[in-house]
């Protein structure tokens, strides 16, 4: 068993001194999730790595060259041999995908299953293929971004191959800033202001 990094212990002690215990846990959890997102993004394949533009709360903005993403890992942590669910908003420098919502699901879907995104109770029916789900078009993508800006909870749910319901929950702390950072970065790239 490894000892926690010294900065996490110091942060936790500092937070206990200034905040109630319930808030301390959530802030420490947000820092842990942010660091794990950044590390996960940096540990991917070289072509998919990209540059972390922003990391805060449970979200990160990543510049992958032609595409910039605001992305988050699900609160549902799966074993290493399973697919980790992620969700995010993509922006392409050529504007072909601007604000497109996407999610990698934690389970294989039943053939006729619908995938629903719930953002603080507001439902969005998504399109699916090969374990992924996307917004249905630009109008829905903008509605999802608008909902994410004012929401506190998000989940993607469906039925798996056996017909059992499942849901992949997400934290939304840091989502608006990550979305704005990803959009701004790709807008600059599309305008030729950065390479």
N, C-alpha and C. Protein backbone atom coordinates (compact mmCIF):
# COMPACT_ATOMS: atom_id res chain seq x y z
N UNK A 1 0.84 -1.18 0.00
CA UNK A 1 0.00 0.00 0.00
C UNK A 1 0.88 1.24 0.00
N UNK A 2 0.61 2.15 -0.97
CA UNK A 2 1.42 3.35 -1.08
C UNK A 2 0.87 4.44 -0.17
N UNK A 3 1.76 5.28 0.30
CA UNK A 3 1.34 6.44 1.09
C UNK A 3 0.81 7.49 0.13
N UNK A 4 -0.18 8.29 0.54
CA UNK A 4 -0.69 9.34 -0.35
C UNK A 4 0.39 10.38 -0.61
N UNK A 5 0.33 11.01 -1.80
CA UNK A 5 1.33 12.04 -2.09
C UNK A 5 1.27 13.13 -1.04
N UNK A 6 2.41 13.72 -0.68
CA UNK A 6 2.45 14.72 0.39
C UNK A 6 1.55 15.92 0.11
N UNK A 7 1.39 16.32 -1.16
CA UNK A 7 0.55 17.48 -1.44
C UNK A 7 -0.92 17.20 -1.14
N UNK A 8 -1.38 15.94 -1.30
CA UNK A 8 -2.80 15.64 -1.03
C UNK A 8 -3.08 15.68 0.47
N UNK A 9 -2.12 15.23 1.28
CA UNK A 9 -2.31 15.28 2.73
C UNK A 9 -2.34 16.73 3.20
N UNK A 10 -1.41 17.55 2.70
CA UNK A 10 -1.38 18.96 3.08
C UNK A 10 -2.63 19.69 2.64
N UNK A 11 -3.11 19.37 1.43
CA UNK A 11 -4.33 20.00 0.94
C UNK A 11 -5.51 19.61 1.81
N UNK A 12 -5.60 18.33 2.15
CA UNK A 12 -6.71 17.87 2.98
C UNK A 12 -6.69 18.54 4.36
N UNK A 13 -5.51 18.66 4.96
CA UNK A 13 -5.42 19.31 6.26
C UNK A 13 -5.79 20.78 6.17
N UNK A 14 -5.35 21.44 5.11
CA UNK A 14 -5.67 22.85 4.92
C UNK A 14 -7.18 23.04 4.74
N UNK A 15 -7.79 22.16 3.96
CA UNK A 15 -9.22 22.28 3.71
C UNK A 15 -10.03 22.02 4.98
N UNK A 16 -9.61 21.09 5.81
CA UNK A 16 -10.32 20.81 7.06
C UNK A 16 -10.31 22.04 7.98
N UNK A 17 -9.20 22.76 7.93
CA UNK A 17 -9.07 23.92 8.79
C UNK A 17 -10.04 25.03 8.37
N UNK A 18 -10.30 25.16 7.08
CA UNK A 18 -11.10 26.27 6.58
C UNK A 18 -12.52 25.91 6.21
N UNK A 19 -12.85 24.63 6.03
CA UNK A 19 -14.18 24.27 5.57
C UNK A 19 -14.73 23.11 6.39
N UNK A 20 -16.08 22.95 6.40
CA UNK A 20 -16.68 21.80 7.08
C UNK A 20 -16.23 20.50 6.43
N UNK A 21 -16.31 19.40 7.16
CA UNK A 21 -15.83 18.11 6.69
C UNK A 21 -16.52 17.66 5.41
N UNK A 22 -17.82 17.89 5.24
CA UNK A 22 -18.52 17.45 4.03
C UNK A 22 -17.99 18.18 2.80
N UNK A 23 -17.71 19.46 2.89
CA UNK A 23 -17.17 20.21 1.77
C UNK A 23 -15.72 19.80 1.50
N UNK A 24 -14.98 19.49 2.54
CA UNK A 24 -13.60 19.07 2.40
C UNK A 24 -13.51 17.83 1.52
N UNK A 25 -14.36 16.86 1.79
CA UNK A 25 -14.34 15.62 1.02
C UNK A 25 -14.63 15.89 -0.44
N UNK A 26 -15.61 16.74 -0.74
CA UNK A 26 -15.96 16.98 -2.14
C UNK A 26 -14.84 17.74 -2.85
N UNK A 27 -14.16 18.66 -2.21
CA UNK A 27 -13.06 19.39 -2.84
C UNK A 27 -11.88 18.46 -3.07
N UNK A 28 -11.55 17.64 -2.11
CA UNK A 28 -10.46 16.69 -2.28
C UNK A 28 -10.80 15.72 -3.40
N UNK A 29 -12.07 15.30 -3.48
CA UNK A 29 -12.50 14.40 -4.55
C UNK A 29 -12.37 15.10 -5.91
N UNK A 30 -12.75 16.37 -5.99
CA UNK A 30 -12.64 17.11 -7.25
C UNK A 30 -11.18 17.22 -7.67
N UNK A 31 -10.28 17.49 -6.74
CA UNK A 31 -8.85 17.57 -7.06
C UNK A 31 -8.36 16.22 -7.55
N UNK A 32 -8.78 15.15 -6.89
CA UNK A 32 -8.37 13.80 -7.30
C UNK A 32 -8.88 13.48 -8.71
N UNK A 33 -10.14 13.80 -9.00
CA UNK A 33 -10.71 13.53 -10.31
C UNK A 33 -10.00 14.35 -11.38
N UNK A 34 -9.73 15.63 -11.09
CA UNK A 34 -9.03 16.49 -12.05
C UNK A 34 -7.65 15.93 -12.36
N UNK A 35 -6.93 15.53 -11.34
CA UNK A 35 -5.59 14.97 -11.57
C UNK A 35 -5.66 13.67 -12.34
N UNK A 36 -6.67 12.83 -12.05
CA UNK A 36 -6.77 11.56 -12.77
C UNK A 36 -7.15 11.79 -14.23
N UNK A 37 -7.98 12.82 -14.52
CA UNK A 37 -8.30 13.14 -15.91
C UNK A 37 -7.04 13.58 -16.64
N UNK A 38 -6.29 14.48 -16.02
CA UNK A 38 -5.06 14.97 -16.65
C UNK A 38 -4.08 13.83 -16.89
N UNK A 39 -3.91 12.95 -15.91
CA UNK A 39 -2.99 11.83 -16.05
C UNK A 39 -3.49 10.84 -17.10
N UNK A 40 -4.79 10.60 -17.14
CA UNK A 40 -5.35 9.68 -18.13
C UNK A 40 -5.14 10.23 -19.54
N UNK A 41 -5.32 11.52 -19.68
CA UNK A 41 -5.13 12.14 -20.98
C UNK A 41 -3.67 12.06 -21.41
N UNK A 42 -2.77 12.21 -20.47
CA UNK A 42 -1.34 12.18 -20.79
C UNK A 42 -0.82 10.77 -21.01
N UNK A 43 -1.55 9.75 -20.52
CA UNK A 43 -1.06 8.39 -20.63
C UNK A 43 -1.60 7.66 -21.85
N UNK A 44 -2.39 8.32 -22.69
CA UNK A 44 -2.96 7.70 -23.90
C UNK A 44 -1.89 7.51 -24.96
N UNK A 45 -2.33 7.04 -26.12
CA UNK A 45 -1.42 6.86 -27.25
C UNK A 45 -0.85 8.21 -27.67
N UNK A 46 0.35 8.19 -28.23
CA UNK A 46 1.02 9.44 -28.58
C UNK A 46 0.19 10.29 -29.52
N UNK A 47 -0.49 9.69 -30.49
CA UNK A 47 -1.27 10.48 -31.43
C UNK A 47 -2.53 11.06 -30.80
N UNK A 48 -3.01 10.48 -29.72
CA UNK A 48 -4.24 10.94 -29.09
C UNK A 48 -3.99 11.79 -27.85
N UNK A 49 -2.74 11.99 -27.49
CA UNK A 49 -2.42 12.69 -26.24
C UNK A 49 -2.95 14.11 -26.21
N UNK A 50 -2.40 14.94 -27.02
CA UNK A 50 -2.80 16.33 -27.03
C UNK A 50 -2.17 17.11 -25.90
N UNK A 51 -2.61 18.36 -25.77
CA UNK A 51 -2.11 19.27 -24.76
C UNK A 51 -3.25 19.65 -23.84
N UNK A 52 -3.03 19.53 -22.55
CA UNK A 52 -4.05 19.94 -21.58
C UNK A 52 -4.06 21.46 -21.54
N UNK A 53 -5.19 22.05 -21.91
CA UNK A 53 -5.36 23.49 -21.95
C UNK A 53 -5.91 23.99 -20.62
N UNK A 54 -6.78 23.19 -20.02
CA UNK A 54 -7.42 23.54 -18.75
C UNK A 54 -7.76 22.24 -18.02
N UNK A 55 -7.61 22.23 -16.71
CA UNK A 55 -8.07 21.11 -15.88
C UNK A 55 -8.59 21.70 -14.59
N UNK A 56 -9.85 21.45 -14.31
CA UNK A 56 -10.46 21.97 -13.09
C UNK A 56 -11.74 21.24 -12.77
N UNK A 57 -12.02 21.05 -11.50
CA UNK A 57 -13.20 20.28 -11.11
C UNK A 57 -13.04 18.86 -11.62
N UNK A 58 -14.03 18.38 -12.33
CA UNK A 58 -13.99 17.02 -12.87
C UNK A 58 -13.76 17.02 -14.38
N UNK A 59 -13.45 18.18 -14.96
CA UNK A 59 -13.33 18.30 -16.40
C UNK A 59 -11.96 18.83 -16.81
N UNK A 60 -11.59 18.54 -18.06
CA UNK A 60 -10.35 19.05 -18.64
C UNK A 60 -10.62 19.46 -20.08
N UNK A 61 -9.89 20.45 -20.56
CA UNK A 61 -9.93 20.84 -21.98
C UNK A 61 -8.61 20.39 -22.59
N UNK A 62 -8.70 19.65 -23.70
CA UNK A 62 -7.52 19.07 -24.33
C UNK A 62 -7.48 19.45 -25.80
N UNK A 63 -6.32 19.92 -26.24
CA UNK A 63 -6.09 20.25 -27.65
C UNK A 63 -5.40 19.04 -28.27
N UNK A 64 -6.08 18.38 -29.20
CA UNK A 64 -5.54 17.19 -29.86
C UNK A 64 -5.11 17.50 -31.30
N UNK A 65 -4.93 18.76 -31.61
CA UNK A 65 -4.53 19.15 -32.96
C UNK A 65 -5.74 19.61 -33.76
N UNK A 66 -6.32 18.72 -34.55
CA UNK A 66 -7.47 19.07 -35.38
C UNK A 66 -8.75 19.21 -34.55
N UNK A 67 -8.77 18.60 -33.37
CA UNK A 67 -9.96 18.62 -32.51
C UNK A 67 -9.57 19.03 -31.09
N UNK A 68 -10.41 19.85 -30.48
CA UNK A 68 -10.24 20.21 -29.07
C UNK A 68 -11.45 19.65 -28.33
N UNK A 69 -11.21 19.13 -27.12
CA UNK A 69 -12.30 18.51 -26.36
C UNK A 69 -12.35 19.03 -24.94
N UNK A 70 -13.57 19.19 -24.45
CA UNK A 70 -13.81 19.35 -23.02
C UNK A 70 -14.28 17.97 -22.60
N UNK A 71 -13.58 17.32 -21.69
CA UNK A 71 -13.84 15.91 -21.42
C UNK A 71 -13.81 15.60 -19.94
N UNK A 72 -14.57 14.56 -19.55
CA UNK A 72 -14.63 14.12 -18.16
C UNK A 72 -14.77 12.60 -18.11
N UNK A 73 -14.20 12.01 -17.09
CA UNK A 73 -14.40 10.59 -16.83
C UNK A 73 -15.62 10.43 -15.93
N UNK A 74 -16.31 9.33 -16.09
CA UNK A 74 -17.47 9.05 -15.26
C UNK A 74 -17.06 8.84 -13.81
N UNK A 75 -17.99 9.10 -12.91
CA UNK A 75 -17.76 8.81 -11.50
C UNK A 75 -17.67 7.30 -11.29
N UNK A 76 -18.23 6.54 -12.19
CA UNK A 76 -18.21 5.08 -12.11
C UNK A 76 -16.84 4.60 -12.57
N UNK A 77 -16.01 4.16 -11.64
CA UNK A 77 -14.68 3.69 -11.97
C UNK A 77 -14.74 2.18 -12.15
N UNK A 78 -14.35 1.72 -13.34
CA UNK A 78 -14.42 0.31 -13.67
C UNK A 78 -13.05 -0.34 -13.57
N UNK A 79 -13.00 -1.67 -13.47
CA UNK A 79 -11.70 -2.37 -13.43
C UNK A 79 -10.89 -2.06 -14.69
N UNK A 80 -9.58 -2.24 -14.60
CA UNK A 80 -8.68 -1.88 -15.70
C UNK A 80 -8.97 -2.64 -16.99
N UNK A 81 -9.54 -3.83 -16.91
CA UNK A 81 -9.82 -4.59 -18.13
C UNK A 81 -11.16 -4.19 -18.77
N UNK A 82 -11.86 -3.24 -18.21
CA UNK A 82 -13.15 -2.75 -18.74
C UNK A 82 -12.96 -1.37 -19.36
N UNK A 83 -13.91 -0.99 -20.21
CA UNK A 83 -13.88 0.33 -20.84
C UNK A 83 -14.34 1.38 -19.84
N UNK A 84 -13.52 2.41 -19.63
CA UNK A 84 -13.87 3.50 -18.72
C UNK A 84 -14.76 4.48 -19.47
N UNK A 85 -15.97 4.74 -18.95
CA UNK A 85 -16.84 5.69 -19.64
C UNK A 85 -16.32 7.12 -19.53
N UNK A 86 -16.41 7.85 -20.65
CA UNK A 86 -16.03 9.26 -20.71
C UNK A 86 -17.12 10.01 -21.47
N UNK A 87 -17.22 11.29 -21.21
CA UNK A 87 -18.16 12.13 -21.96
C UNK A 87 -17.49 13.47 -22.20
N UNK A 88 -17.91 14.13 -23.25
CA UNK A 88 -17.31 15.43 -23.53
C UNK A 88 -17.97 16.17 -24.67
N UNK A 89 -17.40 17.31 -24.96
CA UNK A 89 -17.85 18.18 -26.04
C UNK A 89 -16.66 18.39 -26.96
N UNK A 90 -16.86 18.17 -28.28
CA UNK A 90 -15.78 18.30 -29.26
C UNK A 90 -15.95 19.54 -30.12
N UNK A 91 -14.81 20.14 -30.45
CA UNK A 91 -14.76 21.28 -31.35
C UNK A 91 -13.67 21.01 -32.37
N UNK A 92 -14.01 21.07 -33.66
CA UNK A 92 -13.02 20.87 -34.72
C UNK A 92 -12.59 22.24 -35.25
N UNK A 93 -11.31 22.36 -35.53
CA UNK A 93 -10.78 23.64 -36.02
C UNK A 93 -11.45 24.04 -37.34
N UNK A 94 -11.88 23.07 -38.14
CA UNK A 94 -12.55 23.38 -39.41
C UNK A 94 -14.06 23.60 -39.24
N UNK A 95 -14.54 23.55 -38.00
CA UNK A 95 -15.94 23.80 -37.63
C UNK A 95 -16.92 22.72 -38.12
N UNK A 96 -16.43 21.59 -38.62
CA UNK A 96 -17.35 20.52 -39.03
C UNK A 96 -18.07 19.93 -37.82
N UNK A 97 -17.38 19.86 -36.71
CA UNK A 97 -18.01 19.46 -35.43
C UNK A 97 -17.75 20.60 -34.47
N UNK A 98 -18.78 21.32 -34.12
CA UNK A 98 -18.61 22.44 -33.21
C UNK A 98 -19.60 22.28 -32.07
N UNK A 99 -19.09 21.84 -30.92
CA UNK A 99 -19.94 21.65 -29.75
C UNK A 99 -20.63 20.31 -29.71
N UNK A 100 -20.15 19.34 -30.46
CA UNK A 100 -20.78 18.01 -30.50
C UNK A 100 -20.56 17.26 -29.19
N UNK A 101 -21.65 16.80 -28.56
CA UNK A 101 -21.55 15.99 -27.35
C UNK A 101 -21.22 14.56 -27.77
N UNK A 102 -20.35 13.89 -27.00
CA UNK A 102 -20.05 12.48 -27.24
C UNK A 102 -19.85 11.78 -25.90
N UNK A 103 -20.14 10.49 -25.88
CA UNK A 103 -19.94 9.68 -24.67
C UNK A 103 -19.54 8.27 -25.07
N UNK A 104 -18.51 7.75 -24.42
CA UNK A 104 -18.17 6.33 -24.55
C UNK A 104 -18.88 5.64 -23.40
N UNK A 105 -19.65 4.61 -23.72
CA UNK A 105 -20.49 3.94 -22.73
C UNK A 105 -19.72 2.84 -22.00
N UNK A 106 -20.16 2.55 -20.78
CA UNK A 106 -19.46 1.55 -19.96
C UNK A 106 -19.83 0.13 -20.32
N UNK A 107 -20.91 -0.05 -21.08
CA UNK A 107 -21.34 -1.41 -21.45
C UNK A 107 -21.73 -1.46 -22.93
N UNK A 108 -21.75 -2.69 -23.46
CA UNK A 108 -22.21 -2.91 -24.83
C UNK A 108 -23.73 -2.83 -24.81
N UNK A 109 -24.28 -2.08 -25.76
CA UNK A 109 -25.72 -1.86 -25.80
C UNK A 109 -26.48 -3.02 -26.41
N UNK A 110 -27.74 -3.15 -25.99
CA UNK A 110 -28.67 -4.05 -26.66
C UNK A 110 -28.91 -3.45 -28.05
N UNK A 111 -29.15 -4.26 -29.04
CA UNK A 111 -29.28 -3.79 -30.42
C UNK A 111 -30.27 -2.67 -30.64
N UNK A 112 -31.42 -2.72 -29.96
CA UNK A 112 -32.46 -1.71 -30.18
C UNK A 112 -32.53 -0.67 -29.06
N UNK A 113 -31.52 -0.60 -28.24
CA UNK A 113 -31.55 0.28 -27.06
C UNK A 113 -31.36 1.74 -27.45
N UNK A 114 -32.10 2.60 -26.76
CA UNK A 114 -31.93 4.05 -26.89
C UNK A 114 -30.94 4.50 -25.81
N UNK A 115 -30.24 5.58 -26.08
CA UNK A 115 -29.32 6.14 -25.10
C UNK A 115 -29.83 7.53 -24.75
N UNK A 116 -30.01 7.76 -23.45
CA UNK A 116 -30.51 9.04 -22.96
C UNK A 116 -29.44 9.74 -22.14
N UNK A 117 -29.24 11.01 -22.45
CA UNK A 117 -28.40 11.88 -21.64
C UNK A 117 -29.36 12.67 -20.76
N UNK A 118 -29.13 12.68 -19.46
CA UNK A 118 -29.92 13.49 -18.53
C UNK A 118 -29.00 14.55 -17.93
N UNK A 119 -29.37 15.81 -18.11
CA UNK A 119 -28.61 16.91 -17.54
C UNK A 119 -29.54 17.63 -16.56
N UNK A 120 -29.33 17.38 -15.25
CA UNK A 120 -30.20 17.90 -14.19
C UNK A 120 -31.67 17.67 -14.53
N UNK A 121 -31.98 16.45 -14.95
CA UNK A 121 -33.37 16.08 -15.22
C UNK A 121 -33.85 16.37 -16.63
N UNK A 122 -33.09 17.13 -17.42
CA UNK A 122 -33.49 17.43 -18.80
C UNK A 122 -32.97 16.32 -19.72
N UNK A 123 -33.89 15.61 -20.41
CA UNK A 123 -33.47 14.47 -21.24
C UNK A 123 -33.07 14.86 -22.66
N UNK A 124 -32.07 14.16 -23.19
CA UNK A 124 -31.64 14.31 -24.58
C UNK A 124 -31.45 12.90 -25.15
N UNK A 125 -32.15 12.58 -26.24
CA UNK A 125 -32.01 11.29 -26.91
C UNK A 125 -30.80 11.38 -27.84
N UNK A 126 -29.85 10.46 -27.68
CA UNK A 126 -28.61 10.49 -28.45
C UNK A 126 -28.61 9.42 -29.54
N UNK A 127 -27.75 9.58 -30.54
CA UNK A 127 -27.54 8.55 -31.55
C UNK A 127 -26.36 7.70 -31.10
N UNK A 128 -26.33 6.42 -31.53
CA UNK A 128 -25.29 5.50 -31.04
C UNK A 128 -24.66 4.71 -32.18
N UNK A 129 -23.43 4.26 -31.91
CA UNK A 129 -22.73 3.32 -32.78
C UNK A 129 -21.48 2.83 -32.06
N UNK A 130 -21.29 1.53 -32.04
CA UNK A 130 -20.06 0.91 -31.53
C UNK A 130 -19.67 1.35 -30.12
N UNK A 131 -20.62 1.41 -29.21
CA UNK A 131 -20.31 1.75 -27.82
C UNK A 131 -20.15 3.23 -27.55
N UNK A 132 -20.45 4.07 -28.53
CA UNK A 132 -20.39 5.52 -28.38
C UNK A 132 -21.77 6.11 -28.62
N UNK A 133 -22.00 7.29 -28.07
CA UNK A 133 -23.25 8.02 -28.30
C UNK A 133 -22.89 9.47 -28.59
N UNK A 134 -23.67 10.12 -29.47
CA UNK A 134 -23.42 11.50 -29.87
C UNK A 134 -24.71 12.31 -29.88
N UNK A 135 -24.56 13.63 -29.83
CA UNK A 135 -25.71 14.51 -30.01
C UNK A 135 -26.22 14.33 -31.44
N UNK A 136 -27.50 14.63 -31.64
CA UNK A 136 -28.16 14.39 -32.93
C UNK A 136 -27.87 15.46 -33.98
N UNK A 137 -27.33 16.57 -33.60
CA UNK A 137 -27.05 17.63 -34.57
C UNK A 137 -26.68 18.91 -33.85
N UNK A 138 -26.40 19.96 -34.62
CA UNK A 138 -25.97 21.22 -34.02
C UNK A 138 -26.96 21.84 -33.04
N UNK A 139 -28.25 21.77 -33.33
CA UNK A 139 -29.24 22.37 -32.43
C UNK A 139 -29.25 21.64 -31.08
N UNK A 140 -29.23 20.32 -31.12
CA UNK A 140 -29.21 19.57 -29.86
C UNK A 140 -27.89 19.78 -29.14
N UNK A 141 -26.78 19.85 -29.86
CA UNK A 141 -25.47 20.08 -29.24
C UNK A 141 -25.46 21.40 -28.47
N UNK A 142 -26.00 22.45 -29.06
CA UNK A 142 -26.06 23.74 -28.38
C UNK A 142 -26.98 23.69 -27.16
N UNK A 143 -28.10 22.95 -27.27
CA UNK A 143 -29.01 22.81 -26.12
C UNK A 143 -28.33 22.05 -24.98
N UNK A 144 -27.52 21.05 -25.31
CA UNK A 144 -26.80 20.29 -24.28
C UNK A 144 -25.78 21.20 -23.59
N UNK A 145 -25.03 21.97 -24.37
CA UNK A 145 -24.03 22.88 -23.78
C UNK A 145 -24.72 23.88 -22.86
N UNK A 146 -25.84 24.43 -23.30
CA UNK A 146 -26.58 25.38 -22.48
C UNK A 146 -27.04 24.73 -21.17
N UNK A 147 -27.53 23.49 -21.27
CA UNK A 147 -27.97 22.77 -20.06
C UNK A 147 -26.80 22.50 -19.12
N UNK A 148 -25.64 22.12 -19.68
CA UNK A 148 -24.46 21.82 -18.86
C UNK A 148 -23.97 23.04 -18.08
N UNK A 149 -24.14 24.21 -18.62
CA UNK A 149 -23.66 25.44 -17.97
C UNK A 149 -24.37 25.71 -16.65
N UNK A 150 -25.61 25.26 -16.52
CA UNK A 150 -26.39 25.57 -15.32
C UNK A 150 -26.74 24.35 -14.50
N UNK A 151 -26.19 23.21 -14.82
CA UNK A 151 -26.57 21.95 -14.17
C UNK A 151 -25.58 21.54 -13.09
N UNK A 152 -26.02 20.60 -12.28
CA UNK A 152 -25.15 20.04 -11.24
C UNK A 152 -24.91 18.55 -11.44
N UNK A 153 -25.79 17.89 -12.20
CA UNK A 153 -25.65 16.44 -12.42
C UNK A 153 -25.84 16.10 -13.89
N UNK A 154 -25.20 15.02 -14.30
CA UNK A 154 -25.34 14.52 -15.66
C UNK A 154 -25.17 13.01 -15.63
N UNK A 155 -25.95 12.29 -16.44
CA UNK A 155 -25.76 10.86 -16.57
C UNK A 155 -26.16 10.42 -17.97
N UNK A 156 -25.53 9.36 -18.43
CA UNK A 156 -25.86 8.74 -19.70
C UNK A 156 -26.35 7.34 -19.36
N UNK A 157 -27.55 6.99 -19.85
CA UNK A 157 -28.12 5.70 -19.48
C UNK A 157 -28.74 4.98 -20.67
N UNK A 158 -28.81 3.65 -20.55
CA UNK A 158 -29.38 2.81 -21.59
C UNK A 158 -29.60 1.41 -21.03
N UNK A 159 -29.72 0.43 -21.94
CA UNK A 159 -29.82 -0.99 -21.57
C UNK A 159 -28.68 -1.75 -22.24
N UNK A 160 -28.10 -2.68 -21.49
CA UNK A 160 -26.99 -3.45 -22.04
C UNK A 160 -27.51 -4.65 -22.83
N UNK A 161 -26.59 -5.45 -23.35
CA UNK A 161 -26.93 -6.61 -24.16
C UNK A 161 -27.88 -7.59 -23.49
N UNK A 162 -27.84 -7.67 -22.16
CA UNK A 162 -28.73 -8.57 -21.41
C UNK A 162 -30.06 -7.90 -21.07
N UNK A 163 -30.22 -6.65 -21.46
CA UNK A 163 -31.46 -5.93 -21.17
C UNK A 163 -31.48 -5.19 -19.85
N UNK A 164 -30.38 -5.26 -19.11
CA UNK A 164 -30.31 -4.57 -17.80
C UNK A 164 -30.04 -3.08 -18.01
N UNK A 165 -30.71 -2.25 -17.22
CA UNK A 165 -30.47 -0.81 -17.28
C UNK A 165 -29.11 -0.50 -16.66
N UNK A 166 -28.44 0.51 -17.21
CA UNK A 166 -27.21 1.00 -16.60
C UNK A 166 -27.14 2.50 -16.79
N UNK A 167 -26.34 3.14 -15.95
CA UNK A 167 -26.18 4.58 -16.00
C UNK A 167 -24.74 4.94 -15.68
N UNK A 168 -24.19 5.86 -16.45
CA UNK A 168 -22.84 6.37 -16.21
C UNK A 168 -22.96 7.81 -15.71
N UNK A 169 -22.75 8.05 -14.40
CA UNK A 169 -22.90 9.40 -13.84
C UNK A 169 -21.63 10.23 -13.98
N UNK A 170 -21.82 11.55 -14.07
CA UNK A 170 -20.69 12.48 -14.22
C UNK A 170 -20.86 13.67 -13.29
N UNK A 171 -19.74 14.20 -12.81
CA UNK A 171 -19.73 15.47 -12.09
C UNK A 171 -19.63 16.59 -13.11
N UNK A 172 -20.20 17.73 -12.82
CA UNK A 172 -20.16 18.85 -13.77
C UNK A 172 -19.32 20.02 -13.28
N UNK A 173 -18.64 19.87 -12.15
CA UNK A 173 -17.76 20.93 -11.67
C UNK A 173 -16.64 21.16 -12.68
N UNK A 174 -16.51 22.37 -13.15
CA UNK A 174 -15.48 22.71 -14.13
C UNK A 174 -15.91 22.56 -15.57
N UNK A 175 -17.10 22.03 -15.84
CA UNK A 175 -17.55 21.81 -17.22
C UNK A 175 -17.65 23.09 -18.03
N UNK A 176 -18.30 24.15 -17.53
CA UNK A 176 -18.41 25.36 -18.36
C UNK A 176 -17.05 25.94 -18.77
N UNK A 177 -16.11 25.98 -17.85
CA UNK A 177 -14.79 26.53 -18.16
C UNK A 177 -14.04 25.64 -19.14
N UNK A 178 -14.15 24.33 -18.97
CA UNK A 178 -13.49 23.41 -19.90
C UNK A 178 -14.08 23.54 -21.30
N UNK A 179 -15.40 23.68 -21.40
CA UNK A 179 -16.06 23.85 -22.70
C UNK A 179 -15.57 25.14 -23.37
N UNK A 180 -15.56 26.22 -22.61
CA UNK A 180 -15.10 27.50 -23.16
C UNK A 180 -13.63 27.45 -23.58
N UNK A 181 -12.79 26.80 -22.78
CA UNK A 181 -11.36 26.70 -23.10
C UNK A 181 -11.14 25.88 -24.38
N UNK A 182 -11.86 24.77 -24.52
CA UNK A 182 -11.73 23.94 -25.73
C UNK A 182 -12.22 24.70 -26.96
N UNK A 183 -13.35 25.39 -26.85
CA UNK A 183 -13.90 26.14 -27.98
C UNK A 183 -12.94 27.27 -28.38
N UNK A 184 -12.42 28.00 -27.41
CA UNK A 184 -11.51 29.11 -27.70
C UNK A 184 -10.23 28.60 -28.36
N UNK A 185 -9.69 27.50 -27.86
CA UNK A 185 -8.44 26.95 -28.42
C UNK A 185 -8.62 26.55 -29.88
N UNK A 186 -9.74 25.87 -30.20
CA UNK A 186 -9.94 25.46 -31.58
C UNK A 186 -10.35 26.63 -32.48
N UNK A 187 -10.99 27.64 -31.92
CA UNK A 187 -11.30 28.83 -32.71
C UNK A 187 -10.00 29.53 -33.11
N UNK A 188 -9.05 29.62 -32.18
CA UNK A 188 -7.75 30.21 -32.48
C UNK A 188 -6.99 29.38 -33.52
N UNK A 189 -7.07 28.06 -33.39
CA UNK A 189 -6.40 27.18 -34.35
C UNK A 189 -7.04 27.35 -35.73
N UNK A 190 -8.37 27.40 -35.79
CA UNK A 190 -9.06 27.56 -37.06
C UNK A 190 -8.77 28.90 -37.72
N UNK A 191 -8.53 29.93 -36.91
CA UNK A 191 -8.21 31.26 -37.44
C UNK A 191 -6.73 31.39 -37.81
N UNK A 192 -5.95 30.34 -37.55
CA UNK A 192 -4.53 30.36 -37.88
C UNK A 192 -3.67 31.11 -36.88
N UNK A 193 -4.21 31.40 -35.70
CA UNK A 193 -3.46 32.17 -34.70
C UNK A 193 -2.52 31.26 -33.88
N UNK A 194 -2.80 29.96 -33.85
CA UNK A 194 -1.88 28.99 -33.23
C UNK A 194 -1.73 27.80 -34.16
N UNK A 195 -0.63 27.10 -34.04
CA UNK A 195 -0.38 25.95 -34.92
C UNK A 195 -0.66 24.67 -34.22
